[in-house]
Every structure is written in structure tokens, then in C-alpha cells.
């Protein structure tokens, strides 16, 4: 995912999605104001780190349950010249080791469909997002075409995917958790979402 020129056509073919929507959101990280606290979970290999600018003054926490992903994220941060801006934490998204309202921006890119309990993950992301803060998600939704639902089923059998969620389920959960006007952009198998916490 750190190579957009390769990833975009592959995801268009495999998932009928415009992954440019994800990269646009990542690029916006470079414009965050000084002092912003960002949580990225699961950070994976650090794809969102490509949006940071060297010398940008913010707190960026890259969290993942897999130590191997955290090692890759640290290498990505070093290669991008932003390692001094990035903290890494081993963490389970369903029990985040962070305080209530600790972050201004919470990111969860291509993760919700992997979590064993998406609702609890959303509750935890809401808990650590401050009032007025932003949540940005992307995931393989369950209300996609039959071929995409089959891919989720195969992923579950291989232990790579969880139950995932439909766009309406995520909208309802986030509204109940105090997020206003969740903006959802379905694109093929994926949905891209941005919402603000009341």
C-alpha cells in the first residue's frame, strides 16, 4: 500500500474501488495544525505515514496488534524522515491503552473488516476521540457485490477477516456514539468515512 502507482490499479481490479480516495485522505495529514494528536490503528506497515511532512509538529501514534507491522511502520517512518514524530504502540483496538478524548484525529484505514468485533472497535475509537475531533475510516463493507462478499467470506476462513459491517451499521453505531453527519463514500467493495465527534 506504500506504492500508490501499483496499488491503485490492483485495488480497482480486485475490489472495484478507487484507492485514490484513501490516498487523498492520507495526504491531508500533511496540513494538520501544529500540536494535533493523531491515532492510527491499525497502522499496518505505515501507509498513512506517507502523508506526514518532515518537521511537522504533531503527536502521531501508530498502533497495531502485530509487532511485525509495528516494525514495518518504524522502517516506513525512518524512510520518510518522520521517525522523530511517530510513536509506536502494540495495542488491541478493542481495548486501547489510551485515555478518554486523548486524540484530535483517529484513523482506521482498511482495518474494520479485519477486527473480530467492529462495534467494540468503533466504541473504543469514539472513546479516545476528543469532542470536535475527527474519525476517518475505510473498510470492506458487507453490503457490496456478491464477489466482494465472497472475498470477505474467504478472508474469514483464512483467519484474515472478521465479520466486518455494512455502511448502515457503521453509520448507526457512530451516530449513537455521538458522531455528527458521518460522510460515507462507497466505492466498490470499500467505504470511506469521515465523521466528527460532538
Protein backbone atom coordinates (compact mmCIF):
# COMPACT_ATOMS: atom_id res chain seq x y z
CA UNK A 1 0.00 0.00 0.00
CA UNK A 2 3.03 2.28 0.17
CA UNK A 3 3.24 2.24 -3.66
CA UNK A 4 0.14 4.03 -4.99
CA UNK A 5 1.06 3.57 -8.66
CA UNK A 6 0.88 -0.21 -8.11
CA UNK A 7 -1.89 -0.36 -5.51
CA UNK A 8 -4.45 1.79 -7.33
CA UNK A 9 -4.84 -0.44 -10.42
CA UNK A 10 -4.70 -3.64 -8.35
CA UNK A 11 -7.44 -2.49 -5.96
CA UNK A 12 -9.50 -1.21 -8.90
CA UNK A 13 -9.33 -4.67 -10.45
CA UNK A 14 -9.73 -6.74 -7.27
CA UNK A 15 -12.21 -4.57 -5.34
CA UNK A 16 -13.62 -2.17 -7.96
CA UNK A 17 -12.57 0.67 -5.64
CA UNK A 18 -10.82 3.96 -6.19
CA UNK A 19 -7.98 3.76 -3.68
CA UNK A 20 -7.17 7.34 -4.61
CA UNK A 21 -9.91 8.20 -2.09
CA UNK A 22 -7.72 6.71 0.63
CA UNK A 23 -4.56 8.42 -0.57
CA UNK A 24 -6.38 11.79 -0.68
CA UNK A 25 -7.24 11.40 2.99
CA UNK A 26 -3.68 10.43 3.80
CA UNK A 27 -2.28 13.49 2.01
CA UNK A 28 -4.45 15.75 4.21
CA UNK A 29 -2.39 14.70 7.23
CA UNK A 30 0.37 17.00 5.99
CA UNK A 31 -1.90 20.00 6.57
CA UNK A 32 -2.85 19.22 10.18
CA UNK A 33 -2.20 22.11 12.56
CA UNK A 34 0.70 22.13 14.99
CA UNK A 35 0.02 20.17 18.16
CA UNK A 36 -2.57 17.81 16.66
CA UNK A 37 -2.68 14.38 18.32
CA UNK A 38 -3.29 11.55 15.82
CA UNK A 39 -4.01 7.87 16.45
CA UNK A 40 -3.57 5.47 13.52
CA UNK A 41 -4.91 1.96 14.30
CA UNK A 42 -4.22 -0.49 12.81
CA UNK A 43 -1.23 1.27 11.33
CA UNK A 44 -0.11 -1.80 9.39
CA UNK A 45 3.14 -1.11 7.59
CA UNK A 46 2.69 2.64 7.97
CA UNK A 47 0.88 3.59 4.77
CA UNK A 48 -0.67 6.71 6.36
CA UNK A 49 2.77 7.96 7.41
CA UNK A 50 3.37 8.97 3.79
CA UNK A 51 1.07 11.95 4.45
CA UNK A 52 3.28 13.45 7.16
CA UNK A 53 5.85 16.16 6.39
CA UNK A 54 9.33 16.03 7.94
CA UNK A 55 9.46 18.53 10.77
CA UNK A 56 5.68 18.66 11.18
CA UNK A 57 4.97 19.34 14.87
CA UNK A 58 2.32 16.92 15.99
CA UNK A 59 1.91 13.75 18.03
CA UNK A 60 1.39 10.73 15.80
CA UNK A 61 0.70 7.37 17.47
CA UNK A 62 0.91 4.34 15.19
CA UNK A 63 -0.73 1.35 16.91
CA UNK A 64 -1.17 -2.23 15.82
CA UNK A 65 -1.72 -5.60 17.48
CA UNK A 66 1.05 -7.18 15.36
CA UNK A 67 4.69 -6.48 16.34
CA UNK A 68 5.80 -7.23 12.77
CA UNK A 69 3.55 -4.44 11.44
CA UNK A 70 4.95 -2.02 14.02
CA UNK A 71 8.48 -2.87 12.89
CA UNK A 72 7.49 -2.15 9.29
CA UNK A 73 5.82 1.11 10.33
CA UNK A 74 9.01 2.21 12.11
CA UNK A 75 11.04 1.47 8.95
CA UNK A 76 8.50 3.41 6.87
CA UNK A 77 8.74 6.37 9.25
CA UNK A 78 12.55 6.32 9.05
CA UNK A 79 12.50 6.17 5.25
CA UNK A 80 10.06 9.10 5.13
CA UNK A 81 12.14 11.18 7.53
CA UNK A 82 9.38 11.38 10.15
CA UNK A 83 10.56 8.85 12.74
CA UNK A 84 11.02 11.58 15.37
CA UNK A 85 7.31 12.44 15.04
CA UNK A 86 5.96 8.89 15.35
CA UNK A 87 5.35 6.77 18.46
CA UNK A 88 4.54 3.08 18.02
CA UNK A 89 2.39 1.08 20.43
CA UNK A 90 1.34 -2.55 20.44
CA UNK A 91 -2.41 -2.32 21.07
CA UNK A 92 -5.69 -4.16 20.60
CA UNK A 93 -8.26 -1.83 19.03
CA UNK A 94 -10.98 -3.31 21.25
CA UNK A 95 -9.10 -2.26 24.41
CA UNK A 96 -6.95 0.75 23.53
CA UNK A 97 -4.36 1.74 26.17
CA UNK A 98 -5.13 5.46 25.82
CA UNK A 99 -7.11 7.97 27.83
CA UNK A 100 -10.58 9.20 27.01
CA UNK A 101 -10.55 12.07 24.47
CA UNK A 102 -6.76 11.79 24.01
CA UNK A 103 -6.71 12.31 20.22
CA UNK A 104 -7.84 15.03 17.84
CA UNK A 105 -7.82 12.70 14.83
CA UNK A 106 -8.34 8.93 14.78
CA UNK A 107 -7.59 6.93 11.64
CA UNK A 108 -8.51 3.33 10.94
CA UNK A 109 -7.70 2.56 7.32
CA UNK A 110 -8.50 -0.87 5.85
CA UNK A 111 -8.92 -2.29 9.34
CA UNK A 112 -12.57 -2.51 10.39
CA UNK A 113 -13.21 -5.60 8.24
CA UNK A 114 -10.30 -7.36 9.99
CA UNK A 115 -11.46 -6.75 13.56
CA UNK A 116 -13.23 -9.60 15.39
CA UNK A 117 -15.67 -7.10 16.96
CA UNK A 118 -16.20 -4.00 14.80
CA UNK A 119 -18.74 -2.41 17.18
CA UNK A 120 -16.38 -2.59 20.16
CA UNK A 121 -13.57 -1.21 17.97
CA UNK A 122 -15.77 1.75 16.98
CA UNK A 123 -16.68 2.31 20.63
CA UNK A 124 -13.01 2.44 21.57
CA UNK A 125 -12.16 4.78 18.71
CA UNK A 126 -15.02 7.04 19.82
CA UNK A 127 -13.81 6.94 23.42
CA UNK A 128 -10.32 8.20 22.59
CA UNK A 129 -11.54 10.88 20.12
CA UNK A 130 -11.98 14.28 21.72
CA UNK A 131 -15.21 16.27 21.25
CA UNK A 132 -14.80 18.14 17.98
CA UNK A 133 -12.27 15.56 16.82
CA UNK A 134 -12.38 13.60 13.60
CA UNK A 135 -12.64 9.89 12.82
CA UNK A 136 -11.58 8.66 9.37
CA UNK A 137 -12.20 5.04 8.33
CA UNK A 138 -12.02 2.79 5.31
CA UNK A 139 -13.15 -0.82 5.22
CA UNK A 140 -14.52 -3.62 3.05
CA UNK A 141 -18.25 -3.38 3.75
CA UNK A 142 -20.71 -6.25 3.85
CA UNK A 143 -23.23 -4.60 1.53
CA UNK A 144 -21.04 -4.84 -1.54
CA UNK A 145 -21.47 -7.05 -4.60
CA UNK A 146 -21.59 -10.84 -4.26
CA UNK A 147 -17.98 -11.21 -5.42
CA UNK A 148 -16.79 -8.86 -2.66
CA UNK A 149 -18.87 -10.61 -0.01
CA UNK A 150 -17.30 -13.87 -1.19
CA UNK A 151 -13.85 -12.34 -0.67
CA UNK A 152 -14.81 -11.44 2.91
CA UNK A 153 -16.06 -14.99 3.48
CA UNK A 154 -12.79 -16.41 2.15
CA UNK A 155 -10.85 -13.99 4.33
CA UNK A 156 -12.75 -15.20 7.39
CA UNK A 157 -11.97 -18.82 6.55
CA UNK A 158 -8.28 -17.91 6.25
CA UNK A 159 -8.35 -16.01 9.55
CA UNK A 160 -7.64 -12.68 7.83
CA UNK A 161 -11.05 -11.03 8.13
CA UNK A 162 -13.64 -10.61 10.82
CA UNK A 163 -17.39 -10.12 10.42
CA UNK A 164 -16.98 -6.57 9.03
CA UNK A 165 -20.06 -4.32 8.89
CA UNK A 166 -22.42 -2.66 6.46
CA UNK A 167 -22.38 1.06 5.79
CA UNK A 168 -25.71 1.46 7.59
CA UNK A 169 -24.44 -0.43 10.65
CA UNK A 170 -21.37 1.79 10.92
CA UNK A 171 -23.43 4.95 10.42
CA UNK A 172 -25.87 3.87 13.17
CA UNK A 173 -23.13 2.93 15.64
CA UNK A 174 -21.23 6.19 15.10
CA UNK A 175 -24.40 8.29 15.38
CA UNK A 176 -25.25 6.51 18.65
CA UNK A 177 -21.69 7.19 19.85
CA UNK A 178 -22.08 10.93 19.29
CA UNK A 179 -20.60 11.48 15.84
CA UNK A 180 -22.35 14.01 13.67
CA UNK A 181 -23.08 13.74 9.96
CA UNK A 182 -20.93 10.72 9.12
CA UNK A 183 -19.91 11.28 5.49
CA UNK A 184 -19.71 7.92 3.70
CA UNK A 185 -18.29 7.40 0.22
CA UNK A 186 -18.92 3.84 -1.01
CA UNK A 187 -16.55 2.79 -3.78
CA UNK A 188 -16.77 -0.81 -4.92
CA UNK A 189 -16.06 -3.15 -2.03
CA UNK A 190 -14.83 -0.32 0.20
CA UNK A 191 -16.47 2.54 2.05
CA UNK A 192 -14.51 5.66 3.06
CA UNK A 193 -15.93 7.57 6.02
CA UNK A 194 -15.24 10.80 7.87
CA UNK A 195 -17.18 11.93 10.95
CA UNK A 196 -16.85 14.50 13.74
CA UNK A 197 -17.50 13.74 17.39
CA UNK A 198 -19.96 16.00 19.20
